[in-house]
Amino acid sequence: MTRGQLALAVSLSLLVVVSGIGVVYAKYASRKHFLELQGLQGERDALDVEWGRLQLELSTWATHGRIESEARERLNMHMPKTEEVVLIRLEP
């Protein structure tokens, strides 16, 4: 084996080792990112569940009956009597 062939064989061997290390690192990074993705998807699902619960709670708080009872109890509001109603007519 000549010196040039030996240098070529060493260079190619070194490139194979570096390539192998690159493959191992890429596989490690891929697994790491996949686990991070799964964690984020779980967090997203939990937030979706909480969002649905909050939407349901909001719809419960905003029902017509609830608003009316709160207006009567907290603000002492009542339906106006006929004599309390004032009509305002705007002339064009």
PDB file of N, CA and C in Angstrom:
ATOM      1  N   MET A   1       0.845  -1.170   0.000  1.00  0.00           N
ATOM      2  CA  MET A   1       0.000   0.000   0.000  1.00  0.00           C
ATOM      3  C   MET A   1       0.893   1.236   0.000  1.00  0.00           C
ATOM      4  N   THR A   2       0.595   2.121  -0.897  1.00  0.00           N
ATOM      5  CA  THR A   2       1.413   3.334  -0.996  1.00  0.00           C
ATOM      6  C   THR A   2       0.941   4.350   0.033  1.00  0.00           C
ATOM      7  N   ARG A   3       1.745   5.365   0.151  1.00  0.00           N
ATOM      8  CA  ARG A   3       1.426   6.417   1.105  1.00  0.00           C
ATOM      9  C   ARG A   3       0.118   7.122   0.759  1.00  0.00           C
ATOM     10  N   GLY A   4      -0.144   7.358  -0.478  1.00  0.00           N
ATOM     11  CA  GLY A   4      -1.372   8.011  -0.929  1.00  0.00           C
ATOM     12  C   GLY A   4      -2.595   7.160  -0.621  1.00  0.00           C
ATOM     13  N   GLN A   5      -2.466   5.840  -0.852  1.00  0.00           N
ATOM     14  CA  GLN A   5      -3.592   4.938  -0.568  1.00  0.00           C
ATOM     15  C   GLN A   5      -3.865   4.865   0.933  1.00  0.00           C
ATOM     16  N   LEU A   6      -2.779   4.866   1.705  1.00  0.00           N
ATOM     17  CA  LEU A   6      -2.932   4.838   3.159  1.00  0.00           C
ATOM     18  C   LEU A   6      -3.631   6.116   3.655  1.00  0.00           C
ATOM     19  N   ALA A   7      -3.225   7.247   3.109  1.00  0.00           N
ATOM     20  CA  ALA A   7      -3.848   8.521   3.490  1.00  0.00           C
ATOM     21  C   ALA A   7      -5.330   8.527   3.104  1.00  0.00           C
ATOM     22  N   LEU A   8      -5.638   7.987   1.921  1.00  0.00           N
ATOM     23  CA  LEU A   8      -7.023   7.908   1.461  1.00  0.00           C
ATOM     24  C   LEU A   8      -7.839   6.986   2.370  1.00  0.00           C
ATOM     25  N   ALA A   9      -7.288   5.848   2.756  1.00  0.00           N
ATOM     26  CA  ALA A   9      -7.981   4.899   3.622  1.00  0.00           C
ATOM     27  C   ALA A   9      -8.231   5.512   5.000  1.00  0.00           C
ATOM     28  N   VAL A  10      -7.240   6.213   5.535  1.00  0.00           N
ATOM     29  CA  VAL A  10      -7.404   6.866   6.835  1.00  0.00           C
ATOM     30  C   VAL A  10      -8.448   7.972   6.742  1.00  0.00           C
ATOM     31  N   SER A  11      -8.389   8.750   5.680  1.00  0.00           N
ATOM     32  CA  SER A  11      -9.358   9.837   5.490  1.00  0.00           C
ATOM     33  C   SER A  11     -10.773   9.291   5.378  1.00  0.00           C
ATOM     34  N   LEU A  12     -10.940   8.226   4.575  1.00  0.00           N
ATOM     35  CA  LEU A  12     -12.267   7.634   4.408  1.00  0.00           C
ATOM     36  C   LEU A  12     -12.761   7.024   5.723  1.00  0.00           C
ATOM     37  N   SER A  13     -11.877   6.392   6.468  1.00  0.00           N
ATOM     38  CA  SER A  13     -12.262   5.821   7.766  1.00  0.00           C
ATOM     39  C   SER A  13     -12.699   6.923   8.723  1.00  0.00           C
ATOM     40  N   LEU A  14     -11.958   8.013   8.727  1.00  0.00           N
ATOM     41  CA  LEU A  14     -12.298   9.144   9.571  1.00  0.00           C
ATOM     42  C   LEU A  14     -13.656   9.729   9.176  1.00  0.00           C
ATOM     43  N   LEU A  15     -13.919   9.832   7.886  1.00  0.00           N
ATOM     44  CA  LEU A  15     -15.206  10.339   7.412  1.00  0.00           C
ATOM     45  C   LEU A  15     -16.353   9.405   7.795  1.00  0.00           C
ATOM     46  N   VAL A  16     -16.116   8.091   7.764  1.00  0.00           N
ATOM     47  CA  VAL A  16     -17.141   7.128   8.169  1.00  0.00           C
ATOM     48  C   VAL A  16     -17.453   7.280   9.657  1.00  0.00           C
ATOM     49  N   VAL A  17     -16.412   7.453  10.481  1.00  0.00           N
ATOM     50  CA  VAL A  17     -16.620   7.635  11.922  1.00  0.00           C
ATOM     51  C   VAL A  17     -17.378   8.937  12.189  1.00  0.00           C
ATOM     52  N   VAL A  18     -16.983  10.023  11.536  1.00  0.00           N
ATOM     53  CA  VAL A  18     -17.668  11.309  11.711  1.00  0.00           C
ATOM     54  C   VAL A  18     -19.117  11.196  11.243  1.00  0.00           C
ATOM     55  N   SER A  19     -19.345  10.523  10.140  1.00  0.00           N
ATOM     56  CA  SER A  19     -20.694  10.316   9.637  1.00  0.00           C
ATOM     57  C   SER A  19     -21.528   9.513  10.638  1.00  0.00           C
ATOM     58  N   GLY A  20     -20.944   8.480  11.218  1.00  0.00           N
ATOM     59  CA  GLY A  20     -21.640   7.680  12.230  1.00  0.00           C
ATOM     60  C   GLY A  20     -22.006   8.504  13.450  1.00  0.00           C
ATOM     61  N   ILE A  21     -21.089   9.343  13.895  1.00  0.00           N
ATOM     62  CA  ILE A  21     -21.370  10.219  15.031  1.00  0.00           C
ATOM     63  C   ILE A  21     -22.496  11.194  14.670  1.00  0.00           C
ATOM     64  N   GLY A  22     -22.487  11.677  13.453  1.00  0.00           N
ATOM     65  CA  GLY A  22     -23.557  12.577  12.994  1.00  0.00           C
ATOM     66  C   GLY A  22     -24.914  11.892  12.995  1.00  0.00           C
ATOM     67  N   VAL A  23     -24.957  10.624  12.576  1.00  0.00           N
ATOM     68  CA  VAL A  23     -26.208   9.862  12.568  1.00  0.00           C
ATOM     69  C   VAL A  23     -26.720   9.661  13.994  1.00  0.00           C
ATOM     70  N   VAL A  24     -25.806   9.316  14.902  1.00  0.00           N
ATOM     71  CA  VAL A  24     -26.199   9.106  16.304  1.00  0.00           C
ATOM     72  C   VAL A  24     -26.739  10.412  16.894  1.00  0.00           C
ATOM     73  N   TYR A  25     -26.069  11.527  16.635  1.00  0.00           N
ATOM     74  CA  TYR A  25     -26.524  12.814  17.156  1.00  0.00           C
ATOM     75  C   TYR A  25     -27.881  13.203  16.564  1.00  0.00           C
ATOM     76  N   ALA A  26     -28.056  12.968  15.265  1.00  0.00           N
ATOM     77  CA  ALA A  26     -29.334  13.299  14.622  1.00  0.00           C
ATOM     78  C   ALA A  26     -30.467  12.472  15.224  1.00  0.00           C
ATOM     79  N   LYS A  27     -30.218  11.197  15.489  1.00  0.00           N
ATOM     80  CA  LYS A  27     -31.234  10.332  16.097  1.00  0.00           C
ATOM     81  C   LYS A  27     -31.553  10.817  17.512  1.00  0.00           C
ATOM     82  N   TYR A  28     -30.534  11.193  18.263  1.00  0.00           N
ATOM     83  CA  TYR A  28     -30.740  11.705  19.618  1.00  0.00           C
ATOM     84  C   TYR A  28     -31.571  12.992  19.584  1.00  0.00           C
ATOM     85  N   ALA A  29     -31.233  13.915  18.699  1.00  0.00           N
ATOM     86  CA  ALA A  29     -31.964  15.181  18.590  1.00  0.00           C
ATOM     87  C   ALA A  29     -33.406  14.938  18.167  1.00  0.00           C
ATOM     88  N   SER A  30     -33.604  13.981  17.266  1.00  0.00           N
ATOM     89  CA  SER A  30     -34.950  13.648  16.811  1.00  0.00           C
ATOM     90  C   SER A  30     -35.796  13.133  17.962  1.00  0.00           C
ATOM     91  N   ARG A  31     -35.259  12.242  18.763  1.00  0.00           N
ATOM     92  CA  ARG A  31     -35.999  11.710  19.913  1.00  0.00           C
ATOM     93  C   ARG A  31     -36.292  12.808  20.935  1.00  0.00           C
ATOM     94  N   LYS A  32     -35.315  13.656  21.161  1.00  0.00           N
ATOM     95  CA  LYS A  32     -35.485  14.748  22.108  1.00  0.00           C
ATOM     96  C   LYS A  32     -36.616  15.675  21.657  1.00  0.00           C
ATOM     97  N   HIS A  33     -36.625  16.022  20.389  1.00  0.00           N
ATOM     98  CA  HIS A  33     -37.674  16.905  19.857  1.00  0.00           C
ATOM     99  C   HIS A  33     -39.038  16.216  19.845  1.00  0.00           C
ATOM    100  N   PHE A  34     -39.049  14.920  19.597  1.00  0.00           N
ATOM    101  CA  PHE A  34     -40.314  14.184  19.602  1.00  0.00           C
ATOM    102  C   PHE A  34     -40.921  14.168  21.007  1.00  0.00           C
ATOM    103  N   LEU A  35     -40.087  13.955  22.033  1.00  0.00           N
ATOM    104  CA  LEU A  35     -40.585  13.982  23.409  1.00  0.00           C
ATOM    105  C   LEU A  35     -41.100  15.368  23.777  1.00  0.00           C
ATOM    106  N   GLU A  36     -40.405  16.400  23.327  1.00  0.00           N
ATOM    107  CA  GLU A  36     -40.860  17.767  23.577  1.00  0.00           C
ATOM    108  C   GLU A  36     -42.199  18.017  22.887  1.00  0.00           C
ATOM    109  N   LEU A  37     -42.333  17.511  21.660  1.00  0.00           N
ATOM    110  CA  LEU A  37     -43.588  17.651  20.924  1.00  0.00           C
ATOM    111  C   LEU A  37     -44.733  16.966  21.648  1.00  0.00           C
ATOM    112  N   GLN A  38     -44.502  15.763  22.160  1.00  0.00           N
ATOM    113  CA  GLN A  38     -45.547  15.046  22.895  1.00  0.00           C
ATOM    114  C   GLN A  38     -45.956  15.803  24.156  1.00  0.00           C
ATOM    115  N   GLY A  39     -44.997  16.370  24.857  1.00  0.00           N
ATOM    116  CA  GLY A  39     -45.304  17.163  26.047  1.00  0.00           C
ATOM    117  C   GLY A  39     -46.140  18.384  25.707  1.00  0.00           C
ATOM    118  N   LEU A  40     -45.780  19.065  24.617  1.00  0.00           N
ATOM    119  CA  LEU A  40     -46.525  20.253  24.209  1.00  0.00           C
ATOM    120  C   LEU A  40     -47.933  19.895  23.735  1.00  0.00           C
ATOM    121  N   GLN A  41     -48.071  18.745  23.074  1.00  0.00           N
ATOM    122  CA  GLN A  41     -49.407  18.318  22.645  1.00  0.00           C
ATOM    123  C   GLN A  41     -50.279  17.983  23.851  1.00  0.00           C
ATOM    124  N   GLY A  42     -49.707  17.376  24.878  1.00  0.00           N
ATOM    125  CA  GLY A  42     -50.450  17.106  26.105  1.00  0.00           C
ATOM    126  C   GLY A  42     -50.884  18.396  26.784  1.00  0.00           C
ATOM    127  N   GLU A  43     -49.978  19.374  26.801  1.00  0.00           N
ATOM    128  CA  GLU A  43     -50.314  20.671  27.380  1.00  0.00           C
ATOM    129  C   GLU A  43     -51.425  21.354  26.579  1.00  0.00           C
ATOM    130  N   ARG A  44     -51.355  21.234  25.251  1.00  0.00           N
ATOM    131  CA  ARG A  44     -52.396  21.802  24.391  1.00  0.00           C
ATOM    132  C   ARG A  44     -53.748  21.154  24.669  1.00  0.00           C
ATOM    133  N   ASP A  45     -53.747  19.837  24.829  1.00  0.00           N
ATOM    134  CA  ASP A  45     -54.997  19.128  25.110  1.00  0.00           C
ATOM    135  C   ASP A  45     -55.579  19.562  26.454  1.00  0.00           C
ATOM    136  N   ALA A  46     -54.724  19.734  27.443  1.00  0.00           N
ATOM    137  CA  ALA A  46     -55.197  20.184  28.761  1.00  0.00           C
ATOM    138  C   ALA A  46     -55.773  21.593  28.671  1.00  0.00           C
ATOM    139  N   LEU A  47     -55.125  22.445  27.892  1.00  0.00           N
ATOM    140  CA  LEU A  47     -55.632  23.812  27.724  1.00  0.00           C
ATOM    141  C   LEU A  47     -56.956  23.815  26.962  1.00  0.00           C
ATOM    142  N   ASP A  48     -57.108  22.910  25.992  1.00  0.00           N
ATOM    143  CA  ASP A  48     -58.379  22.801  25.267  1.00  0.00           C
ATOM    144  C   ASP A  48     -59.509  22.387  26.203  1.00  0.00           C
ATOM    145  N   VAL A  49     -59.221  21.455  27.109  1.00  0.00           N
ATOM    146  CA  VAL A  49     -60.234  21.022  28.075  1.00  0.00           C
ATOM    147  C   VAL A  49     -60.614  22.182  28.990  1.00  0.00           C
ATOM    148  N   GLU A  50     -59.613  22.911  29.468  1.00  0.00           N
ATOM    149  CA  GLU A  50     -59.898  24.050  30.346  1.00  0.00           C
ATOM    150  C   GLU A  50     -60.669  25.132  29.600  1.00  0.00           C
ATOM    151  N   TRP A  51     -60.327  25.370  28.336  1.00  0.00           N
ATOM    152  CA  TRP A  51     -61.036  26.368  27.526  1.00  0.00           C
ATOM    153  C   TRP A  51     -62.510  25.984  27.385  1.00  0.00           C
ATOM    154  N   GLY A  52     -62.781  24.722  27.139  1.00  0.00           N
ATOM    155  CA  GLY A  52     -64.166  24.259  27.038  1.00  0.00           C
ATOM    156  C   GLY A  52     -64.914  24.451  28.350  1.00  0.00           C
ATOM    157  N   ARG A  53     -64.245  24.151  29.459  1.00  0.00           N
ATOM    158  CA  ARG A  53     -64.867  24.338  30.768  1.00  0.00           C
ATOM    159  C   ARG A  53     -65.162  25.808  31.026  1.00  0.00           C
ATOM    160  N   LEU A  54     -64.227  26.680  30.655  1.00  0.00           N
ATOM    161  CA  LEU A  54     -64.439  28.113  30.851  1.00  0.00           C
ATOM    162  C   LEU A  54     -65.562  28.640  29.954  1.00  0.00           C
ATOM    163  N   GLN A  55     -65.646  28.131  28.731  1.00  0.00           N
ATOM    164  CA  GLN A  55     -66.737  28.534  27.838  1.00  0.00           C
ATOM    165  C   GLN A  55     -68.087  28.125  28.426  1.00  0.00           C
ATOM    166  N   LEU A  56     -68.142  26.918  28.975  1.00  0.00           N
ATOM    167  CA  LEU A  56     -69.376  26.443  29.598  1.00  0.00           C
ATOM    168  C   LEU A  56     -69.727  27.302  30.813  1.00  0.00           C
ATOM    169  N   GLU A  57     -68.734  27.634  31.613  1.00  0.00           N
ATOM    170  CA  GLU A  57     -68.972  28.485  32.779  1.00  0.00           C
ATOM    171  C   GLU A  57     -69.452  29.868  32.355  1.00  0.00           C
ATOM    172  N   LEU A  58     -68.851  30.410  31.312  1.00  0.00           N
ATOM    173  CA  LEU A  58     -69.263  31.721  30.810  1.00  0.00           C
ATOM    174  C   LEU A  58     -70.710  31.696  30.327  1.00  0.00           C
ATOM    175  N   SER A  59     -71.090  30.656  29.618  1.00  0.00           N
ATOM    176  CA  SER A  59     -72.466  30.577  29.133  1.00  0.00           C
ATOM    177  C   SER A  59     -73.442  30.435  30.299  1.00  0.00           C
ATOM    178  N   THR A  60     -73.017  29.791  31.371  1.00  0.00           N
ATOM    179  CA  THR A  60     -73.869  29.672  32.554  1.00  0.00           C
ATOM    180  C   THR A  60     -74.048  31.032  33.225  1.00  0.00           C
ATOM    181  N   TRP A  61     -72.971  31.782  33.338  1.00  0.00           N
ATOM    182  CA  TRP A  61     -73.031  33.089  33.988  1.00  0.00           C
ATOM    183  C   TRP A  61     -73.796  34.115  33.157  1.00  0.00           C
ATOM    184  N   ALA A  62     -73.854  33.922  31.853  1.00  0.00           N
ATOM    185  CA  ALA A  62     -74.447  34.924  30.968  1.00  0.00           C
ATOM    186  C   ALA A  62     -75.873  34.600  30.552  1.00  0.00           C
ATOM    187  N   THR A  63     -76.536  33.653  31.196  1.00  0.00           N
ATOM    188  CA  THR A  63     -77.910  33.346  30.826  1.00  0.00           C
ATOM    189  C   THR A  63     -78.826  34.502  31.212  1.00  0.00           C
ATOM    190  N   HIS A  64     -79.925  34.621  30.480  1.00  0.00           N
ATOM    191  CA  HIS A  64     -80.851  35.724  30.692  1.00  0.00           C
ATOM    192  C   HIS A  64     -81.396  35.709  32.124  1.00  0.00           C
ATOM    193  N   GLY A  65     -81.782  34.538  32.606  1.00  0.00           N
ATOM    194  CA  GLY A  65     -82.322  34.435  33.957  1.00  0.00           C
ATOM    195  C   GLY A  65     -81.326  34.862  35.014  1.00  0.00           C
ATOM    196  N   ARG A  66     -80.073  34.490  34.839  1.00  0.00           N
ATOM    197  CA  ARG A  66     -79.037  34.866  35.811  1.00  0.00           C
ATOM    198  C   ARG A  66     -78.828  36.374  35.814  1.00  0.00           C
ATOM    199  N   ILE A  67     -78.777  36.980  34.633  1.00  0.00           N
ATOM    200  CA  ILE A  67     -78.590  38.432  34.547  1.00  0.00           C
ATOM    201  C   ILE A  67     -79.768  39.145  35.213  1.00  0.00           C
ATOM    202  N   GLU A  68     -80.976  38.664  34.945  1.00  0.00           N
ATOM    203  CA  GLU A  68     -82.158  39.292  35.516  1.00  0.00           C
ATOM    204  C   GLU A  68     -82.164  39.169  37.039  1.00  0.00           C
ATOM    205  N   SER A  69     -81.849  38.006  37.563  1.00  0.00           N
ATOM    206  CA  SER A  69     -81.855  37.841  39.027  1.00  0.00           C
ATOM    207  C   SER A  69     -80.767  38.690  39.681  1.00  0.00           C
ATOM    208  N   GLU A  70     -79.609  38.794  39.044  1.00  0.00           N
ATOM    209  CA  GLU A  70     -78.544  39.648  39.592  1.00  0.00           C
ATOM    210  C   GLU A  70     -78.966  41.113  39.566  1.00  0.00           C
ATOM    211  N   ALA A  71     -79.639  41.543  38.499  1.00  0.00           N
ATOM    212  CA  ALA A  71     -80.099  42.930  38.409  1.00  0.00           C
ATOM    213  C   ALA A  71     -81.119  43.214  39.513  1.00  0.00           C
ATOM    214  N   ARG A  72     -82.009  42.278  39.759  1.00  0.00           N
ATOM    215  CA  ARG A  72     -83.019  42.471  40.808  1.00  0.00           C
ATOM    216  C   ARG A  72     -82.377  42.473  42.198  1.00  0.00           C
ATOM    217  N   GLU A  73     -81.487  41.537  42.468  1.00  0.00           N
ATOM    218  CA  GLU A  73     -80.925  41.392  43.808  1.00  0.00           C
ATOM    219  C   GLU A  73     -79.842  42.419  44.116  1.00  0.00           C
ATOM    220  N   ARG A  74     -78.892  42.559  43.244  1.00  0.00           N
ATOM    221  CA  ARG A  74     -77.753  43.437  43.535  1.00  0.00           C
ATOM    222  C   ARG A  74     -78.029  44.901  43.245  1.00  0.00           C
ATOM    223  N   LEU A  75     -78.749  45.166  42.166  1.00  0.00           N
ATOM    224  CA  LEU A  75     -78.952  46.554  41.746  1.00  0.00           C
ATOM    225  C   LEU A  75     -80.339  47.084  42.082  1.00  0.00           C
ATOM    226  N   ASN A  76     -81.147  46.248  42.708  1.00  0.00           N
ATOM    227  CA  ASN A  76     -82.511  46.629  43.061  1.00  0.00           C
ATOM    228  C   ASN A  76     -83.295  47.138  41.855  1.00  0.00           C
ATOM    229  N   MET A  77     -83.106  46.521  40.723  1.00  0.00           N
ATOM    230  CA  MET A  77     -83.832  46.912  39.510  1.00  0.00           C
ATOM    231  C   MET A  77     -85.148  46.147  39.460  1.00  0.00           C
ATOM    232  N   HIS A  78     -86.115  46.682  38.735  1.00  0.00           N
ATOM    233  CA  HIS A  78     -87.413  46.045  38.573  1.00  0.00           C
ATOM    234  C   HIS A  78     -87.981  46.392  37.201  1.00  0.00           C
ATOM    235  N   MET A  79     -88.979  45.645  36.797  1.00  0.00           N
ATOM    236  CA  MET A  79     -89.664  45.956  35.540  1.00  0.00           C
ATOM    237  C   MET A  79     -90.466  47.235  35.757  1.00  0.00           C
ATOM    238  N   PRO A  80     -90.360  48.218  34.851  1.00  0.00           N
ATOM    239  CA  PRO A  80     -91.100  49.474  35.063  1.00  0.00           C
ATOM    240  C   PRO A  80     -92.606  49.266  34.900  1.00  0.00           C
ATOM    241  N   LYS A  81     -93.350  50.004  35.698  1.00  0.00           N
ATOM    242  CA  LYS A  81     -94.801  49.987  35.579  1.00  0.00           C
ATOM    243  C   LYS A  81     -95.190  50.816  34.370  1.00  0.00           C
ATOM    244  N   THR A  82     -96.410  50.648  33.942  1.00  0.00           N
ATOM    245  CA  THR A  82     -96.870  51.355  32.742  1.00  0.00           C
ATOM    246  C   THR A  82     -96.718  52.859  32.901  1.00  0.00           C
ATOM    247  N   GLU A  83     -97.021  53.399  34.062  1.00  0.00           N
ATOM    248  CA  GLU A  83     -96.926  54.849  34.260  1.00  0.00           C
ATOM    249  C   GLU A  83     -95.475  55.336  34.354  1.00  0.00           C
ATOM    250  N   GLU A  84     -94.541  54.426  34.531  1.00  0.00           N
ATOM    251  CA  GLU A  84     -93.120  54.811  34.601  1.00  0.00           C
ATOM    252  C   GLU A  84     -92.452  54.852  33.230  1.00  0.00           C
ATOM    253  N   VAL A  85     -93.116  54.324  32.238  1.00  0.00           N
ATOM    254  CA  VAL A  85     -92.532  54.263  30.900  1.00  0.00           C
ATOM    255  C   VAL A  85     -92.738  55.597  30.200  1.00  0.00           C
ATOM    256  N   VAL A  86     -91.670  56.128  29.622  1.00  0.00           N
ATOM    257  CA  VAL A  86     -91.718  57.389  28.887  1.00  0.00           C
ATOM    258  C   VAL A  86     -91.288  57.106  27.454  1.00  0.00           C
ATOM    259  N   LEU A  87     -92.103  57.497  26.501  1.00  0.00           N
ATOM    260  CA  LEU A  87     -91.773  57.311  25.097  1.00  0.00           C
ATOM    261  C   LEU A  87     -91.231  58.631  24.554  1.00  0.00           C
ATOM    262  N   ILE A  88     -90.186  58.555  23.813  1.00  0.00           N
ATOM    263  CA  ILE A  88     -89.600  59.725  23.176  1.00  0.00           C
ATOM    264  C   ILE A  88     -89.686  59.526  21.679  1.00  0.00           C
ATOM    265  N   ARG A  89     -90.291  60.451  21.006  1.00  0.00           N
ATOM    266  CA  ARG A  89     -90.457  60.340  19.556  1.00  0.00           C
ATOM    267  C   ARG A  89     -89.548  61.387  18.905  1.00  0.00           C
ATOM    268  N   LEU A  90     -88.749  60.944  17.983  1.00  0.00           N
ATOM    269  CA  LEU A  90     -87.879  61.852  17.245  1.00  0.00           C
ATOM    270  C   LEU A  90     -88.524  62.165  15.918  1.00  0.00           C
ATOM    271  N   GLU A  91     -88.616  63.431  15.592  1.00  0.00           N
ATOM    272  CA  GLU A  91     -89.186  63.836  14.306  1.00  0.00           C
ATOM    273  C   GLU A  91     -88.072  63.895  13.278  1.00  0.00           C
ATOM    274  N   PRO A  92     -88.312  63.318  12.113  1.00  0.00           N
ATOM    275  CA  PRO A  92     -87.260  63.339  11.076  1.00  0.00           C
ATOM    276  C   PRO A  92     -87.040  64.696  10.463  1.00  0.00           C
TER     277      PRO A  92
END
